[in-house]
Amino acid sequence: MRQHFDDAQLIRAARELMEVYGSQAAAVAEKRATHLNECGEGVSATTWRQIADAVRNVEVKDTSRRSGRSS
């Protein structure tokens, strides 16, 4: 079974993870992805990697806004 999350869902999950883990959110998501992949849960691992990417994207956009740059 293939899971598919749209960008809004990934960003929402990323922001929630960031609220809990702060600057470690991307690392937490990557660690979960690695664990799931090792357990044979490749689809779920892919989703967590997408969430990690979304965390990094949100961090970049937030940093750009704070510094006065637009993207």
PDB file of N, CA and C in Angstrom:
ATOM      1  N   MET A   1       0.841  -1.185   0.000  1.00  0.00           N
ATOM      2  CA  MET A   1       0.000   0.000   0.000  1.00  0.00           C
ATOM      3  C   MET A   1       0.884   1.246   0.000  1.00  0.00           C
ATOM      4  N   ARG A   2       0.604   2.151  -0.876  1.00  0.00           N
ATOM      5  CA  ARG A   2       1.397   3.364  -1.005  1.00  0.00           C
ATOM      6  C   ARG A   2       0.679   4.528  -0.330  1.00  0.00           C
ATOM      7  N   GLN A   3       1.395   5.204   0.562  1.00  0.00           N
ATOM      8  CA  GLN A   3       0.853   6.389   1.207  1.00  0.00           C
ATOM      9  C   GLN A   3       1.264   7.597   0.379  1.00  0.00           C
ATOM     10  N   HIS A   4       0.378   8.567   0.333  1.00  0.00           N
ATOM     11  CA  HIS A   4       0.734   9.811  -0.344  1.00  0.00           C
ATOM     12  C   HIS A   4       0.215  10.972   0.485  1.00  0.00           C
ATOM     13  N   PHE A   5       1.112  11.864   0.804  1.00  0.00           N
ATOM     14  CA  PHE A   5       0.747  13.050   1.553  1.00  0.00           C
ATOM     15  C   PHE A   5       1.001  14.266   0.679  1.00  0.00           C
ATOM     16  N   ASP A   6       0.072  15.204   0.711  1.00  0.00           N
ATOM     17  CA  ASP A   6       0.290  16.408  -0.078  1.00  0.00           C
ATOM     18  C   ASP A   6       1.201  17.368   0.690  1.00  0.00           C
ATOM     19  N   ASP A   7       1.638  18.418   0.015  1.00  0.00           N
ATOM     20  CA  ASP A   7       2.576  19.366   0.614  1.00  0.00           C
ATOM     21  C   ASP A   7       2.038  19.971   1.903  1.00  0.00           C
ATOM     22  N   ALA A   8       0.767  20.300   1.935  1.00  0.00           N
ATOM     23  CA  ALA A   8       0.186  20.915   3.135  1.00  0.00           C
ATOM     24  C   ALA A   8       0.271  19.962   4.326  1.00  0.00           C
ATOM     25  N   GLN A   9       0.027  18.684   4.097  1.00  0.00           N
ATOM     26  CA  GLN A   9       0.109  17.705   5.181  1.00  0.00           C
ATOM     27  C   GLN A   9       1.546  17.536   5.668  1.00  0.00           C
ATOM     28  N   LEU A  10       2.489  17.514   4.724  1.00  0.00           N
ATOM     29  CA  LEU A  10       3.896  17.380   5.096  1.00  0.00           C
ATOM     30  C   LEU A  10       4.366  18.597   5.889  1.00  0.00           C
ATOM     31  N   ILE A  11       3.961  19.778   5.464  1.00  0.00           N
ATOM     32  CA  ILE A  11       4.350  20.997   6.175  1.00  0.00           C
ATOM     33  C   ILE A  11       3.726  21.031   7.564  1.00  0.00           C
ATOM     34  N   ARG A  12       2.482  20.627   7.668  1.00  0.00           N
ATOM     35  CA  ARG A  12       1.816  20.574   8.975  1.00  0.00           C
ATOM     36  C   ARG A  12       2.560  19.610   9.906  1.00  0.00           C
ATOM     37  N   ALA A  13       2.911  18.439   9.410  1.00  0.00           N
ATOM     38  CA  ALA A  13       3.656  17.465  10.215  1.00  0.00           C
ATOM     39  C   ALA A  13       5.029  18.022  10.595  1.00  0.00           C
ATOM     40  N   ALA A  14       5.676  18.698   9.658  1.00  0.00           N
ATOM     41  CA  ALA A  14       6.990  19.294   9.931  1.00  0.00           C
ATOM     42  C   ALA A  14       6.894  20.334  11.039  1.00  0.00           C
ATOM     43  N   ARG A  15       5.905  21.204  10.957  1.00  0.00           N
ATOM     44  CA  ARG A  15       5.742  22.254  11.979  1.00  0.00           C
ATOM     45  C   ARG A  15       5.440  21.656  13.351  1.00  0.00           C
ATOM     46  N   GLU A  16       4.637  20.607  13.380  1.00  0.00           N
ATOM     47  CA  GLU A  16       4.337  19.953  14.657  1.00  0.00           C
ATOM     48  C   GLU A  16       5.607  19.328  15.250  1.00  0.00           C
ATOM     49  N   LEU A  17       6.395  18.689  14.406  1.00  0.00           N
ATOM     50  CA  LEU A  17       7.652  18.104  14.864  1.00  0.00           C
ATOM     51  C   LEU A  17       8.601  19.196  15.364  1.00  0.00           C
ATOM     52  N   MET A  18       8.620  20.327  14.670  1.00  0.00           N
ATOM     53  CA  MET A  18       9.470  21.444  15.068  1.00  0.00           C
ATOM     54  C   MET A  18       9.043  22.019  16.419  1.00  0.00           C
ATOM     55  N   GLU A  19       7.746  22.034  16.682  1.00  0.00           N
ATOM     56  CA  GLU A  19       7.266  22.527  17.973  1.00  0.00           C
ATOM     57  C   GLU A  19       7.767  21.653  19.115  1.00  0.00           C
ATOM     58  N   VAL A  20       7.836  20.359  18.874  1.00  0.00           N
ATOM     59  CA  VAL A  20       8.253  19.431  19.921  1.00  0.00           C
ATOM     60  C   VAL A  20       9.776  19.340  20.027  1.00  0.00           C
ATOM     61  N   TYR A  21      10.465  19.252  18.889  1.00  0.00           N
ATOM     62  CA  TYR A  21      11.903  18.978  18.887  1.00  0.00           C
ATOM     63  C   TYR A  21      12.781  20.163  18.502  1.00  0.00           C
ATOM     64  N   GLY A  22      12.186  21.270  18.135  1.00  0.00           N
ATOM     65  CA  GLY A  22      12.970  22.463  17.792  1.00  0.00           C
ATOM     66  C   GLY A  22      13.955  22.194  16.672  1.00  0.00           C
ATOM     67  N   SER A  23      15.179  22.623  16.885  1.00  0.00           N
ATOM     68  CA  SER A  23      16.203  22.508  15.841  1.00  0.00           C
ATOM     69  C   SER A  23      16.603  21.065  15.541  1.00  0.00           C
ATOM     70  N   GLN A  24      16.168  20.124  16.355  1.00  0.00           N
ATOM     71  CA  GLN A  24      16.487  18.710  16.129  1.00  0.00           C
ATOM     72  C   GLN A  24      15.419  17.979  15.324  1.00  0.00           C
ATOM     73  N   ALA A  25      14.378  18.691  14.887  1.00  0.00           N
ATOM     74  CA  ALA A  25      13.240  18.047  14.218  1.00  0.00           C
ATOM     75  C   ALA A  25      13.642  17.246  12.980  1.00  0.00           C
ATOM     76  N   ALA A  26      14.472  17.809  12.129  1.00  0.00           N
ATOM     77  CA  ALA A  26      14.873  17.086  10.912  1.00  0.00           C
ATOM     78  C   ALA A  26      15.653  15.821  11.265  1.00  0.00           C
ATOM     79  N   ALA A  27      16.524  15.923  12.253  1.00  0.00           N
ATOM     80  CA  ALA A  27      17.307  14.755  12.674  1.00  0.00           C
ATOM     81  C   ALA A  27      16.404  13.675  13.255  1.00  0.00           C
ATOM     82  N   VAL A  28      15.401  14.072  14.018  1.00  0.00           N
ATOM     83  CA  VAL A  28      14.448  13.107  14.582  1.00  0.00           C
ATOM     84  C   VAL A  28      13.699  12.400  13.460  1.00  0.00           C
ATOM     85  N   ALA A  29      13.240  13.162  12.478  1.00  0.00           N
ATOM     86  CA  ALA A  29      12.515  12.564  11.350  1.00  0.00           C
ATOM     87  C   ALA A  29      13.411  11.600  10.573  1.00  0.00           C
ATOM     88  N   GLU A  30      14.663  11.982  10.352  1.00  0.00           N
ATOM     89  CA  GLU A  30      15.606  11.100   9.636  1.00  0.00           C
ATOM     90  C   GLU A  30      15.857   9.821  10.429  1.00  0.00           C
ATOM     91  N   LYS A  31      15.980   9.949  11.750  1.00  0.00           N
ATOM     92  CA  LYS A  31      16.205   8.774  12.592  1.00  0.00           C
ATOM     93  C   LYS A  31      15.010   7.824  12.520  1.00  0.00           C
ATOM     94  N   ARG A  32      13.812   8.386  12.552  1.00  0.00           N
ATOM     95  CA  ARG A  32      12.607   7.555  12.425  1.00  0.00           C
ATOM     96  C   ARG A  32      12.582   6.862  11.068  1.00  0.00           C
ATOM     97  N   ALA A  33      12.956   7.599  10.031  1.00  0.00           N
ATOM     98  CA  ALA A  33      12.976   7.017   8.684  1.00  0.00           C
ATOM     99  C   ALA A  33      13.955   5.850   8.612  1.00  0.00           C
ATOM    100  N   THR A  34      15.128   6.039   9.177  1.00  0.00           N
ATOM    101  CA  THR A  34      16.136   4.976   9.170  1.00  0.00           C
ATOM    102  C   THR A  34      15.628   3.744   9.913  1.00  0.00           C
ATOM    103  N   HIS A  35      15.044   3.961  11.076  1.00  0.00           N
ATOM    104  CA  HIS A  35      14.516   2.837  11.865  1.00  0.00           C
ATOM    105  C   HIS A  35      13.423   2.101  11.095  1.00  0.00           C
ATOM    106  N   LEU A  36      12.496   2.842  10.523  1.00  0.00           N
ATOM    107  CA  LEU A  36      11.406   2.213   9.768  1.00  0.00           C
ATOM    108  C   LEU A  36      11.939   1.437   8.569  1.00  0.00           C
ATOM    109  N   ASN A  37      12.925   1.993   7.894  1.00  0.00           N
ATOM    110  CA  ASN A  37      13.519   1.310   6.746  1.00  0.00           C
ATOM    111  C   ASN A  37      14.176  -0.008   7.181  1.00  0.00           C
ATOM    112  N   GLU A  38      14.875   0.043   8.326  1.00  0.00           N
ATOM    113  CA  GLU A  38      15.512  -1.171   8.853  1.00  0.00           C
ATOM    114  C   GLU A  38      14.483  -2.234   9.233  1.00  0.00           C
ATOM    115  N   CYS A  39      13.283  -1.784   9.582  1.00  0.00           N
ATOM    116  CA  CYS A  39      12.200  -2.710   9.959  1.00  0.00           C
ATOM    117  C   CYS A  39      11.389  -3.168   8.748  1.00  0.00           C
ATOM    118  N   GLY A  40      11.807  -2.764   7.558  1.00  0.00           N
ATOM    119  CA  GLY A  40      11.111  -3.182   6.354  1.00  0.00           C
ATOM    120  C   GLY A  40       9.909  -2.329   6.000  1.00  0.00           C
ATOM    121  N   GLU A  41       9.794  -1.176   6.613  1.00  0.00           N
ATOM    122  CA  GLU A  41       8.671  -0.267   6.359  1.00  0.00           C
ATOM    123  C   GLU A  41       9.118   0.867   5.435  1.00  0.00           C
ATOM    124  N   GLY A  42       9.451   0.510   4.220  1.00  0.00           N
ATOM    125  CA  GLY A  42       9.997   1.470   3.266  1.00  0.00           C
ATOM    126  C   GLY A  42       9.077   2.626   2.929  1.00  0.00           C
ATOM    127  N   VAL A  43       7.789   2.362   2.816  1.00  0.00           N
ATOM    128  CA  VAL A  43       6.838   3.424   2.474  1.00  0.00           C
ATOM    129  C   VAL A  43       6.769   4.456   3.604  1.00  0.00           C
ATOM    130  N   SER A  44       6.669   3.965   4.828  1.00  0.00           N
ATOM    131  CA  SER A  44       6.630   4.884   5.971  1.00  0.00           C
ATOM    132  C   SER A  44       7.954   5.623   6.114  1.00  0.00           C
ATOM    133  N   ALA A  45       9.053   4.943   5.837  1.00  0.00           N
ATOM    134  CA  ALA A  45      10.372   5.581   5.889  1.00  0.00           C
ATOM    135  C   ALA A  45      10.443   6.728   4.883  1.00  0.00           C
ATOM    136  N   THR A  46       9.913   6.511   3.702  1.00  0.00           N
ATOM    137  CA  THR A  46       9.897   7.557   2.680  1.00  0.00           C
ATOM    138  C   THR A  46       9.102   8.769   3.158  1.00  0.00           C
ATOM    139  N   THR A  47       7.977   8.526   3.808  1.00  0.00           N
ATOM    140  CA  THR A  47       7.160   9.623   4.323  1.00  0.00           C
ATOM    141  C   THR A  47       7.943  10.423   5.357  1.00  0.00           C
ATOM    142  N   TRP A  48       8.652   9.747   6.262  1.00  0.00           N
ATOM    143  CA  TRP A  48       9.429  10.468   7.271  1.00  0.00           C
ATOM    144  C   TRP A  48      10.584  11.241   6.645  1.00  0.00           C
ATOM    145  N   ARG A  49      11.147  10.738   5.561  1.00  0.00           N
ATOM    146  CA  ARG A  49      12.198  11.504   4.865  1.00  0.00           C
ATOM    147  C   ARG A  49      11.599  12.755   4.225  1.00  0.00           C
ATOM    148  N   GLN A  50      10.393  12.626   3.707  1.00  0.00           N
ATOM    149  CA  GLN A  50       9.710  13.796   3.146  1.00  0.00           C
ATOM    150  C   GLN A  50       9.409  14.814   4.241  1.00  0.00           C
ATOM    151  N   ILE A  51       9.040  14.345   5.416  1.00  0.00           N
ATOM    152  CA  ILE A  51       8.796  15.260   6.536  1.00  0.00           C
ATOM    153  C   ILE A  51      10.103  15.947   6.923  1.00  0.00           C
ATOM    154  N   ALA A  52      11.208  15.209   6.957  1.00  0.00           N
ATOM    155  CA  ALA A  52      12.512  15.811   7.263  1.00  0.00           C
ATOM    156  C   ALA A  52      12.849  16.898   6.246  1.00  0.00           C
ATOM    157  N   ASP A  53      12.602  16.629   4.972  1.00  0.00           N
ATOM    158  CA  ASP A  53      12.834  17.648   3.930  1.00  0.00           C
ATOM    159  C   ASP A  53      11.941  18.864   4.152  1.00  0.00           C
ATOM    160  N   ALA A  54      10.686  18.614   4.529  1.00  0.00           N
ATOM    161  CA  ALA A  54       9.763  19.724   4.791  1.00  0.00           C
ATOM    162  C   ALA A  54      10.236  20.554   5.970  1.00  0.00           C
ATOM    163  N   VAL A  55      10.755  19.908   7.005  1.00  0.00           N
ATOM    164  CA  VAL A  55      11.313  20.645   8.151  1.00  0.00           C
ATOM    165  C   VAL A  55      12.418  21.574   7.676  1.00  0.00           C
ATOM    166  N   ARG A  56      13.338  21.039   6.886  1.00  0.00           N
ATOM    167  CA  ARG A  56      14.451  21.867   6.398  1.00  0.00           C
ATOM    168  C   ARG A  56      13.946  23.029   5.541  1.00  0.00           C
ATOM    169  N   ASN A  57      12.939  22.771   4.704  1.00  0.00           N
ATOM    170  CA  ASN A  57      12.372  23.837   3.874  1.00  0.00           C
ATOM    171  C   ASN A  57      11.713  24.916   4.714  1.00  0.00           C
ATOM    172  N   VAL A  58      10.968  24.514   5.741  1.00  0.00           N
ATOM    173  CA  VAL A  58      10.312  25.477   6.630  1.00  0.00           C
ATOM    174  C   VAL A  58      11.371  26.293   7.371  1.00  0.00           C
ATOM    175  N   GLU A  59      12.429  25.633   7.823  1.00  0.00           N
ATOM    176  CA  GLU A  59      13.503  26.340   8.530  1.00  0.00           C
ATOM    177  C   GLU A  59      14.139  27.401   7.641  1.00  0.00           C
ATOM    178  N   VAL A  60      14.380  27.066   6.380  1.00  0.00           N
ATOM    179  CA  VAL A  60      14.983  28.017   5.446  1.00  0.00           C
ATOM    180  C   VAL A  60      14.046  29.204   5.222  1.00  0.00           C
ATOM    181  N   LYS A  61      12.763  28.925   5.000  1.00  0.00           N
ATOM    182  CA  LYS A  61      11.800  30.008   4.775  1.00  0.00           C
ATOM    183  C   LYS A  61      11.665  30.886   6.009  1.00  0.00           C
ATOM    184  N   ASP A  62      11.616  30.272   7.193  1.00  0.00           N
ATOM    185  CA  ASP A  62      11.513  31.054   8.425  1.00  0.00           C
ATOM    186  C   ASP A  62      12.751  31.924   8.636  1.00  0.00           C
ATOM    187  N   THR A  63      13.916  31.382   8.334  1.00  0.00           N
ATOM    188  CA  THR A  63      15.157  32.140   8.470  1.00  0.00           C
ATOM    189  C   THR A  63      15.165  33.311   7.483  1.00  0.00           C
ATOM    190  N   SER A  64      14.725  33.067   6.255  1.00  0.00           N
ATOM    191  CA  SER A  64      14.669  34.136   5.248  1.00  0.00           C
ATOM    192  C   SER A  64      13.735  35.254   5.682  1.00  0.00           C
ATOM    193  N   ARG A  65      12.597  34.899   6.240  1.00  0.00           N
ATOM    194  CA  ARG A  65      11.644  35.917   6.707  1.00  0.00           C
ATOM    195  C   ARG A  65      12.237  36.750   7.831  1.00  0.00           C
ATOM    196  N   ARG A  66      12.913  36.079   8.777  1.00  0.00           N
ATOM    197  CA  ARG A  66      13.487  36.810   9.905  1.00  0.00           C
ATOM    198  C   ARG A  66      14.596  37.745   9.466  1.00  0.00           C
ATOM    199  N   SER A  67      15.312  37.382   8.416  1.00  0.00           N
ATOM    200  CA  SER A  67      16.424  38.209   7.958  1.00  0.00           C
ATOM    201  C   SER A  67      15.974  39.267   6.943  1.00  0.00           C
ATOM    202  N   GLY A  68      14.677  39.252   6.619  1.00  0.00           N
ATOM    203  CA  GLY A  68      14.150  40.249   5.707  1.00  0.00           C
ATOM    204  C   GLY A  68      14.220  39.886   4.245  1.00  0.00           C
ATOM    205  N   ARG A  69      14.657  38.677   3.947  1.00  0.00           N
ATOM    206  CA  ARG A  69      14.736  38.222   2.553  1.00  0.00           C
ATOM    207  C   ARG A  69      13.451  37.489   2.203  1.00  0.00           C
ATOM    208  N   SER A  70      13.006  37.644   0.985  1.00  0.00           N
ATOM    209  CA  SER A  70      11.839  36.885   0.532  1.00  0.00           C
ATOM    210  C   SER A  70      12.293  35.793  -0.410  1.00  0.00           C
ATOM    211  N   SER A  71      11.501  34.708  -0.464  1.00  0.00           N
ATOM    212  CA  SER A  71      11.882  33.603  -1.356  1.00  0.00           C
ATOM    213  C   SER A  71      10.878  33.415  -2.437  1.00  0.00           C
TER     214      SER A  71
END
